[in-house]
Amino acid sequence: KMGHRTMRTLWSIIKEAPVVIVSKLNVLQQLLHSCLNACMDRLVGPKCLELKMQKGAASDFEQYNFKPKEMIQMVAEMYIYVARSDKDKVHKLIIEDGRSYRPKTFQKAVQVLKREQMISAPLLAEFETFVQDLNSLAASQEAAMANIVIPDEFLDPIMSEIMEDPVLLPTSKNIMDRKVIERHIMSNDDDPFNRMPLAVSDLLP
């Protein structure tokens, strides 16, 4: 029940104040990677059938207040709300999530929402366009990167992704992408290479 109430509260916040979420890069990234993308992958991704009860077994969904249809609806609508504030940023961050983002999963979500008529026609049309644009962008990026070799010095040393805003860590002298090190500092206020104290204000452009 706590999980369902948490998702409902998050849905309400994002519906009413999406700009607040989108304006904070690390907050938006955590929302997409750790919550929405992960939920989408679990609910309609390759392992979604594991959520179904075996034939003849009693369902415990009601006991645990697990409502998958309502969950898919809220996740889809949260994507719509944040995309209205900055679709390009949202698309980019989703595609960066190599753990949970799969084009087929998002396309399947559209099919499920259509079949079950879970959201209103205008929101469904908006989500379908969102998914089409997302998957088209992902395909074009994959094609563009297919024959490009990126030097290691342009990659974040922890995530191995191209750095967009490289910053110097003053004690270890390593260079990391700002969003990666700021996300690390949110949970551990130290330099990941030598464990010396580190704050966001210490980072050098």
C-alpha atoms as a PDB file:
ATOM      1  CA  LYS A   1       0.000   0.000   0.000  1.00  0.00           C
ATOM      2  CA  MET A   2       2.859   2.373   0.784  1.00  0.00           C
ATOM      3  CA  GLY A   3       4.296   1.871  -2.716  1.00  0.00           C
ATOM      4  CA  HIS A   4       0.961   2.659  -4.361  1.00  0.00           C
ATOM      5  CA  ARG A   5       0.446   5.761  -2.218  1.00  0.00           C
ATOM      6  CA  THR A   6       3.988   6.910  -3.043  1.00  0.00           C
ATOM      7  CA  MET A   7       3.361   6.582  -6.787  1.00  0.00           C
ATOM      8  CA  ARG A   8       0.029   8.379  -6.468  1.00  0.00           C
ATOM      9  CA  THR A   9       1.701  11.224  -4.542  1.00  0.00           C
ATOM     10  CA  LEU A  10       4.497  11.456  -7.109  1.00  0.00           C
ATOM     11  CA  TRP A  11       1.940  11.507  -9.930  1.00  0.00           C
ATOM     12  CA  SER A  12       0.074  14.372  -8.228  1.00  0.00           C
ATOM     13  CA  ILE A  13       3.256  16.410  -7.729  1.00  0.00           C
ATOM     14  CA  ILE A  14       4.398  15.951 -11.330  1.00  0.00           C
ATOM     15  CA  LYS A  15       0.949  16.754 -12.694  1.00  0.00           C
ATOM     16  CA  GLU A  16       0.791  20.022 -10.775  1.00  0.00           C
ATOM     17  CA  ALA A  17       4.442  21.141 -10.904  1.00  0.00           C
ATOM     18  CA  PRO A  18       6.372  19.413 -13.719  1.00  0.00           C
ATOM     19  CA  VAL A  19       8.614  22.448 -14.254  1.00  0.00           C
ATOM     20  CA  VAL A  20      10.083  22.045 -10.761  1.00  0.00           C
ATOM     21  CA  ILE A  21      11.117  18.464 -11.553  1.00  0.00           C
ATOM     22  CA  VAL A  22      12.441  19.211 -15.042  1.00  0.00           C
ATOM     23  CA  SER A  23      14.460  22.218 -13.904  1.00  0.00           C
ATOM     24  CA  LYS A  24      16.670  20.002 -11.706  1.00  0.00           C
ATOM     25  CA  LEU A  25      18.678  17.710 -13.995  1.00  0.00           C
ATOM     26  CA  ASN A  26      19.639  15.178 -11.335  1.00  0.00           C
ATOM     27  CA  VAL A  27      16.103  15.008  -9.971  1.00  0.00           C
ATOM     28  CA  LEU A  28      14.686  14.450 -13.462  1.00  0.00           C
ATOM     29  CA  GLN A  29      17.312  11.835 -14.239  1.00  0.00           C
ATOM     30  CA  GLN A  30      16.557   9.933 -11.023  1.00  0.00           C
ATOM     31  CA  LEU A  31      12.815  10.134 -11.718  1.00  0.00           C
ATOM     32  CA  LEU A  32      13.233   8.721 -15.213  1.00  0.00           C
ATOM     33  CA  HIS A  33      15.966   6.137 -14.634  1.00  0.00           C
ATOM     34  CA  SER A  34      15.123   4.888 -11.153  1.00  0.00           C
ATOM     35  CA  CYS A  35      11.334   5.198 -11.245  1.00  0.00           C
ATOM     36  CA  LEU A  36       9.463   5.645 -14.518  1.00  0.00           C
ATOM     37  CA  ASN A  37      11.751   3.690 -16.856  1.00  0.00           C
ATOM     38  CA  ALA A  38      12.214   0.918 -14.287  1.00  0.00           C
ATOM     39  CA  CYS A  39       8.450   0.665 -13.693  1.00  0.00           C
ATOM     40  CA  MET A  40       7.710   0.660 -17.413  1.00  0.00           C
ATOM     41  CA  ASP A  41      10.263  -2.105 -17.982  1.00  0.00           C
ATOM     42  CA  ARG A  42       8.837  -4.219 -15.156  1.00  0.00           C
ATOM     43  CA  LEU A  43       5.195  -3.732 -16.102  1.00  0.00           C
ATOM     44  CA  VAL A  44       5.360  -4.227 -19.884  1.00  0.00           C
ATOM     45  CA  GLY A  45       8.987  -5.178 -20.564  1.00  0.00           C
ATOM     46  CA  PRO A  46      10.471  -8.608 -21.381  1.00  0.00           C
ATOM     47  CA  LYS A  47       9.857  -9.971 -17.867  1.00  0.00           C
ATOM     48  CA  CYS A  48       6.326  -8.615 -17.414  1.00  0.00           C
ATOM     49  CA  LEU A  49       4.779 -12.105 -17.578  1.00  0.00           C
ATOM     50  CA  GLU A  50       6.514 -12.930 -14.303  1.00  0.00           C
ATOM     51  CA  LEU A  51       3.932 -10.682 -12.629  1.00  0.00           C
ATOM     52  CA  LYS A  52       1.097 -12.969 -13.696  1.00  0.00           C
ATOM     53  CA  MET A  53      -0.145 -15.682 -11.371  1.00  0.00           C
ATOM     54  CA  GLN A  54       0.393 -19.310 -12.334  1.00  0.00           C
ATOM     55  CA  LYS A  55      -2.745 -21.050 -13.540  1.00  0.00           C
ATOM     56  CA  GLY A  56      -4.808 -22.122 -10.536  1.00  0.00           C
ATOM     57  CA  ALA A  57      -2.843 -19.954  -8.089  1.00  0.00           C
ATOM     58  CA  ALA A  58      -4.537 -17.285  -6.020  1.00  0.00           C
ATOM     59  CA  SER A  59      -3.701 -13.699  -6.892  1.00  0.00           C
ATOM     60  CA  ASP A  60      -2.256 -11.606  -4.083  1.00  0.00           C
ATOM     61  CA  PHE A  61      -2.457  -8.325  -6.023  1.00  0.00           C
ATOM     62  CA  GLU A  62      -5.374  -7.107  -3.906  1.00  0.00           C
ATOM     63  CA  GLN A  63      -3.660  -8.103  -0.666  1.00  0.00           C
ATOM     64  CA  TYR A  64      -0.651  -5.939  -1.546  1.00  0.00           C
ATOM     65  CA  ASN A  65      -2.717  -3.221  -3.213  1.00  0.00           C
ATOM     66  CA  PHE A  66      -0.839  -3.831  -6.470  1.00  0.00           C
ATOM     67  CA  LYS A  67      -2.780  -2.356  -9.380  1.00  0.00           C
ATOM     68  CA  PRO A  68      -0.684  -2.795 -12.553  1.00  0.00           C
ATOM     69  CA  LYS A  69      -3.182  -1.124 -14.881  1.00  0.00           C
ATOM     70  CA  GLU A  70      -3.378   1.949 -12.697  1.00  0.00           C
ATOM     71  CA  MET A  71       0.416   1.932 -12.389  1.00  0.00           C
ATOM     72  CA  ILE A  72       0.904   1.928 -16.183  1.00  0.00           C
ATOM     73  CA  GLN A  73      -1.597   4.751 -16.482  1.00  0.00           C
ATOM     74  CA  MET A  74       0.225   6.902 -13.925  1.00  0.00           C
ATOM     75  CA  VAL A  75       3.651   6.194 -15.432  1.00  0.00           C
ATOM     76  CA  ALA A  76       2.476   7.105 -18.942  1.00  0.00           C
ATOM     77  CA  GLU A  77       0.855  10.309 -17.722  1.00  0.00           C
ATOM     78  CA  MET A  78       3.981  11.308 -15.762  1.00  0.00           C
ATOM     79  CA  TYR A  79       6.032  10.970 -18.951  1.00  0.00           C
ATOM     80  CA  ILE A  80       3.556  13.270 -20.673  1.00  0.00           C
ATOM     81  CA  TYR A  81       3.620  15.886 -17.919  1.00  0.00           C
ATOM     82  CA  VAL A  82       7.423  16.194 -17.760  1.00  0.00           C
ATOM     83  CA  ALA A  83       7.731  16.097 -21.558  1.00  0.00           C
ATOM     84  CA  ARG A  84       5.408  19.075 -21.843  1.00  0.00           C
ATOM     85  CA  SER A  85       8.018  21.122 -19.965  1.00  0.00           C
ATOM     86  CA  ASP A  86      11.073  19.952 -21.931  1.00  0.00           C
ATOM     87  CA  LYS A  87      10.524  17.069 -24.335  1.00  0.00           C
ATOM     88  CA  ASP A  88      14.073  17.129 -25.735  1.00  0.00           C
ATOM     89  CA  LYS A  89      15.665  16.837 -22.288  1.00  0.00           C
ATOM     90  CA  VAL A  90      13.287  14.038 -21.277  1.00  0.00           C
ATOM     91  CA  HIS A  91      13.905  12.086 -24.492  1.00  0.00           C
ATOM     92  CA  LYS A  92      17.663  12.427 -24.130  1.00  0.00           C
ATOM     93  CA  LEU A  93      17.699  11.198 -20.537  1.00  0.00           C
ATOM     94  CA  ILE A  94      15.440   8.232 -21.267  1.00  0.00           C
ATOM     95  CA  ILE A  95      17.642   7.093 -24.145  1.00  0.00           C
ATOM     96  CA  GLU A  96      20.719   7.337 -21.912  1.00  0.00           C
ATOM     97  CA  ASP A  97      19.207   4.721 -19.598  1.00  0.00           C
ATOM     98  CA  GLY A  98      20.798   1.582 -20.989  1.00  0.00           C
ATOM     99  CA  ARG A  99      19.402  -0.500 -18.133  1.00  0.00           C
ATOM    100  CA  SER A 100      15.659  -0.008 -18.614  1.00  0.00           C
ATOM    101  CA  TYR A 101      15.000   1.778 -21.924  1.00  0.00           C
ATOM    102  CA  ARG A 102      13.896  -0.470 -24.771  1.00  0.00           C
ATOM    103  CA  PRO A 103      11.980   0.870 -27.793  1.00  0.00           C
ATOM    104  CA  LYS A 104       9.764  -2.231 -27.917  1.00  0.00           C
ATOM    105  CA  THR A 105       8.743  -1.761 -24.292  1.00  0.00           C
ATOM    106  CA  PHE A 106       7.479   1.765 -24.900  1.00  0.00           C
ATOM    107  CA  GLN A 107       5.684   0.679 -28.050  1.00  0.00           C
ATOM    108  CA  LYS A 108       4.046  -2.159 -26.143  1.00  0.00           C
ATOM    109  CA  ALA A 109       2.929   0.324 -23.483  1.00  0.00           C
ATOM    110  CA  VAL A 110       1.089   2.277 -26.181  1.00  0.00           C
ATOM    111  CA  GLN A 111      -0.626  -0.922 -27.351  1.00  0.00           C
ATOM    112  CA  VAL A 112      -1.661  -1.870 -23.801  1.00  0.00           C
ATOM    113  CA  LEU A 113      -3.020   1.600 -23.061  1.00  0.00           C
ATOM    114  CA  LYS A 114      -5.031   1.502 -26.299  1.00  0.00           C
ATOM    115  CA  ARG A 115      -6.393  -1.992 -25.710  1.00  0.00           C
ATOM    116  CA  GLU A 116      -7.396  -1.421 -22.109  1.00  0.00           C
ATOM    117  CA  GLN A 117      -8.540   2.187 -22.675  1.00  0.00           C
ATOM    118  CA  MET A 118      -6.689   3.261 -19.558  1.00  0.00           C
ATOM    119  CA  ILE A 119      -6.261   6.951 -20.335  1.00  0.00           C
ATOM    120  CA  SER A 120      -8.265   9.558 -22.203  1.00  0.00           C
ATOM    121  CA  ALA A 121      -8.003   9.759 -25.983  1.00  0.00           C
ATOM    122  CA  PRO A 122      -6.116  13.105 -25.949  1.00  0.00           C
ATOM    123  CA  LEU A 123      -3.536  11.822 -23.442  1.00  0.00           C
ATOM    124  CA  LEU A 124      -3.167   8.562 -25.362  1.00  0.00           C
ATOM    125  CA  ALA A 125      -2.506  10.455 -28.594  1.00  0.00           C
ATOM    126  CA  GLU A 126       0.047  12.633 -26.785  1.00  0.00           C
ATOM    127  CA  PHE A 127       1.800   9.606 -25.290  1.00  0.00           C
ATOM    128  CA  GLU A 128       1.852   7.796 -28.640  1.00  0.00           C
ATOM    129  CA  THR A 129       3.501  10.787 -30.301  1.00  0.00           C
ATOM    130  CA  PHE A 130       5.948  11.016 -27.392  1.00  0.00           C
ATOM    131  CA  VAL A 131       6.931   7.368 -27.870  1.00  0.00           C
ATOM    132  CA  GLN A 132       7.231   7.659 -31.655  1.00  0.00           C
ATOM    133  CA  ASP A 133       9.532  10.667 -31.329  1.00  0.00           C
ATOM    134  CA  LEU A 134      11.519   8.964 -28.570  1.00  0.00           C
ATOM    135  CA  ASN A 135      12.127   5.773 -30.525  1.00  0.00           C
ATOM    136  CA  SER A 136      12.940   7.666 -33.726  1.00  0.00           C
ATOM    137  CA  LEU A 137      15.534   9.736 -31.884  1.00  0.00           C
ATOM    138  CA  ALA A 138      17.050   6.608 -30.318  1.00  0.00           C
ATOM    139  CA  ALA A 139      17.309   4.904 -33.714  1.00  0.00           C
ATOM    140  CA  SER A 140      18.925   7.918 -35.355  1.00  0.00           C
ATOM    141  CA  GLN A 141      21.434   8.271 -32.513  1.00  0.00           C
ATOM    142  CA  GLU A 142      22.334   4.590 -32.691  1.00  0.00           C
ATOM    143  CA  ALA A 143      22.898   4.849 -36.441  1.00  0.00           C
ATOM    144  CA  ALA A 144      25.011   7.989 -36.069  1.00  0.00           C
ATOM    145  CA  MET A 145      27.223   6.419 -33.390  1.00  0.00           C
ATOM    146  CA  ALA A 146      27.648   3.057 -35.133  1.00  0.00           C
ATOM    147  CA  ASN A 147      30.945   3.880 -36.842  1.00  0.00           C
ATOM    148  CA  ILE A 148      32.345   6.457 -34.429  1.00  0.00           C
ATOM    149  CA  VAL A 149      35.187   5.683 -32.056  1.00  0.00           C
ATOM    150  CA  ILE A 150      35.174   8.043 -29.054  1.00  0.00           C
ATOM    151  CA  PRO A 151      38.493   8.656 -27.254  1.00  0.00           C
ATOM    152  CA  ASP A 152      38.485   7.600 -23.602  1.00  0.00           C
ATOM    153  CA  GLU A 153      39.252  11.124 -22.398  1.00  0.00           C
ATOM    154  CA  PHE A 154      35.817  12.246 -23.615  1.00  0.00           C
ATOM    155  CA  LEU A 155      34.040   9.560 -21.590  1.00  0.00           C
ATOM    156  CA  ASP A 156      33.015   9.772 -17.960  1.00  0.00           C
ATOM    157  CA  PRO A 157      35.361   7.384 -16.092  1.00  0.00           C
ATOM    158  CA  ILE A 158      32.545   5.772 -14.106  1.00  0.00           C
ATOM    159  CA  MET A 159      29.603   5.678 -16.518  1.00  0.00           C
ATOM    160  CA  SER A 160      31.627   5.447 -19.775  1.00  0.00           C
ATOM    161  CA  GLU A 161      29.251   7.956 -21.379  1.00  0.00           C
ATOM    162  CA  ILE A 162      30.221  11.047 -23.350  1.00  0.00           C
ATOM    163  CA  MET A 163      30.682  13.933 -20.927  1.00  0.00           C
ATOM    164  CA  GLU A 164      28.512  16.969 -21.569  1.00  0.00           C
ATOM    165  CA  ASP A 165      29.711  19.164 -18.716  1.00  0.00           C
ATOM    166  CA  PRO A 166      33.133  17.916 -17.566  1.00  0.00           C
ATOM    167  CA  VAL A 167      34.309  19.081 -14.147  1.00  0.00           C
ATOM    168  CA  LEU A 168      37.550  18.560 -12.236  1.00  0.00           C
ATOM    169  CA  LEU A 169      37.522  16.840  -8.847  1.00  0.00           C
ATOM    170  CA  PRO A 170      40.019  18.957  -6.902  1.00  0.00           C
ATOM    171  CA  THR A 171      41.588  16.301  -4.665  1.00  0.00           C
ATOM    172  CA  SER A 172      41.900  13.307  -7.017  1.00  0.00           C
ATOM    173  CA  LYS A 173      42.314  15.478 -10.151  1.00  0.00           C
ATOM    174  CA  ASN A 174      39.962  13.215 -12.076  1.00  0.00           C
ATOM    175  CA  ILE A 175      37.495  14.644 -14.578  1.00  0.00           C
ATOM    176  CA  MET A 176      33.858  13.536 -14.504  1.00  0.00           C
ATOM    177  CA  ASP A 177      30.589  14.575 -16.063  1.00  0.00           C
ATOM    178  CA  ARG A 178      28.830  17.021 -13.752  1.00  0.00           C
ATOM    179  CA  LYS A 179      25.518  15.169 -13.613  1.00  0.00           C
ATOM    180  CA  VAL A 180      27.260  11.915 -12.697  1.00  0.00           C
ATOM    181  CA  ILE A 181      29.352  13.324  -9.853  1.00  0.00           C
ATOM    182  CA  GLU A 182      26.466  15.441  -8.547  1.00  0.00           C
ATOM    183  CA  ARG A 183      24.298  12.336  -8.416  1.00  0.00           C
ATOM    184  CA  HIS A 184      27.071  10.587  -6.479  1.00  0.00           C
ATOM    185  CA  ILE A 185      27.362  13.498  -4.041  1.00  0.00           C
ATOM    186  CA  MET A 186      23.620  13.314  -3.348  1.00  0.00           C
ATOM    187  CA  SER A 187      24.205  10.008  -1.555  1.00  0.00           C
ATOM    188  CA  ASN A 188      27.925  10.123  -0.723  1.00  0.00           C
ATOM    189  CA  ASP A 189      29.564  13.500  -0.171  1.00  0.00           C
ATOM    190  CA  ASP A 190      33.025  12.351  -1.150  1.00  0.00           C
ATOM    191  CA  ASP A 191      35.345  11.926  -4.124  1.00  0.00           C
ATOM    192  CA  PRO A 192      34.648   8.404  -5.487  1.00  0.00           C
ATOM    193  CA  PHE A 193      38.333   7.944  -6.319  1.00  0.00           C
ATOM    194  CA  ASN A 194      39.924   8.743  -2.964  1.00  0.00           C
ATOM    195  CA  ARG A 195      36.967   9.187  -0.560  1.00  0.00           C
ATOM    196  CA  MET A 196      38.055  12.685   0.389  1.00  0.00           C
ATOM    197  CA  PRO A 197      35.198  15.076   1.340  1.00  0.00           C
ATOM    198  CA  LEU A 198      33.592  16.646  -1.732  1.00  0.00           C
ATOM    199  CA  ALA A 199      30.719  19.103  -2.220  1.00  0.00           C
ATOM    200  CA  VAL A 200      29.069  20.320  -5.405  1.00  0.00           C
ATOM    201  CA  SER A 201      30.571  23.760  -4.780  1.00  0.00           C
ATOM    202  CA  ASP A 202      34.064  22.201  -4.926  1.00  0.00           C
ATOM    203  CA  LEU A 203      33.701  21.050  -8.539  1.00  0.00           C
ATOM    204  CA  LEU A 204      35.821  22.970 -11.036  1.00  0.00           C
ATOM    205  CA  PRO A 205      34.543  23.561 -14.585  1.00  0.00           C
END
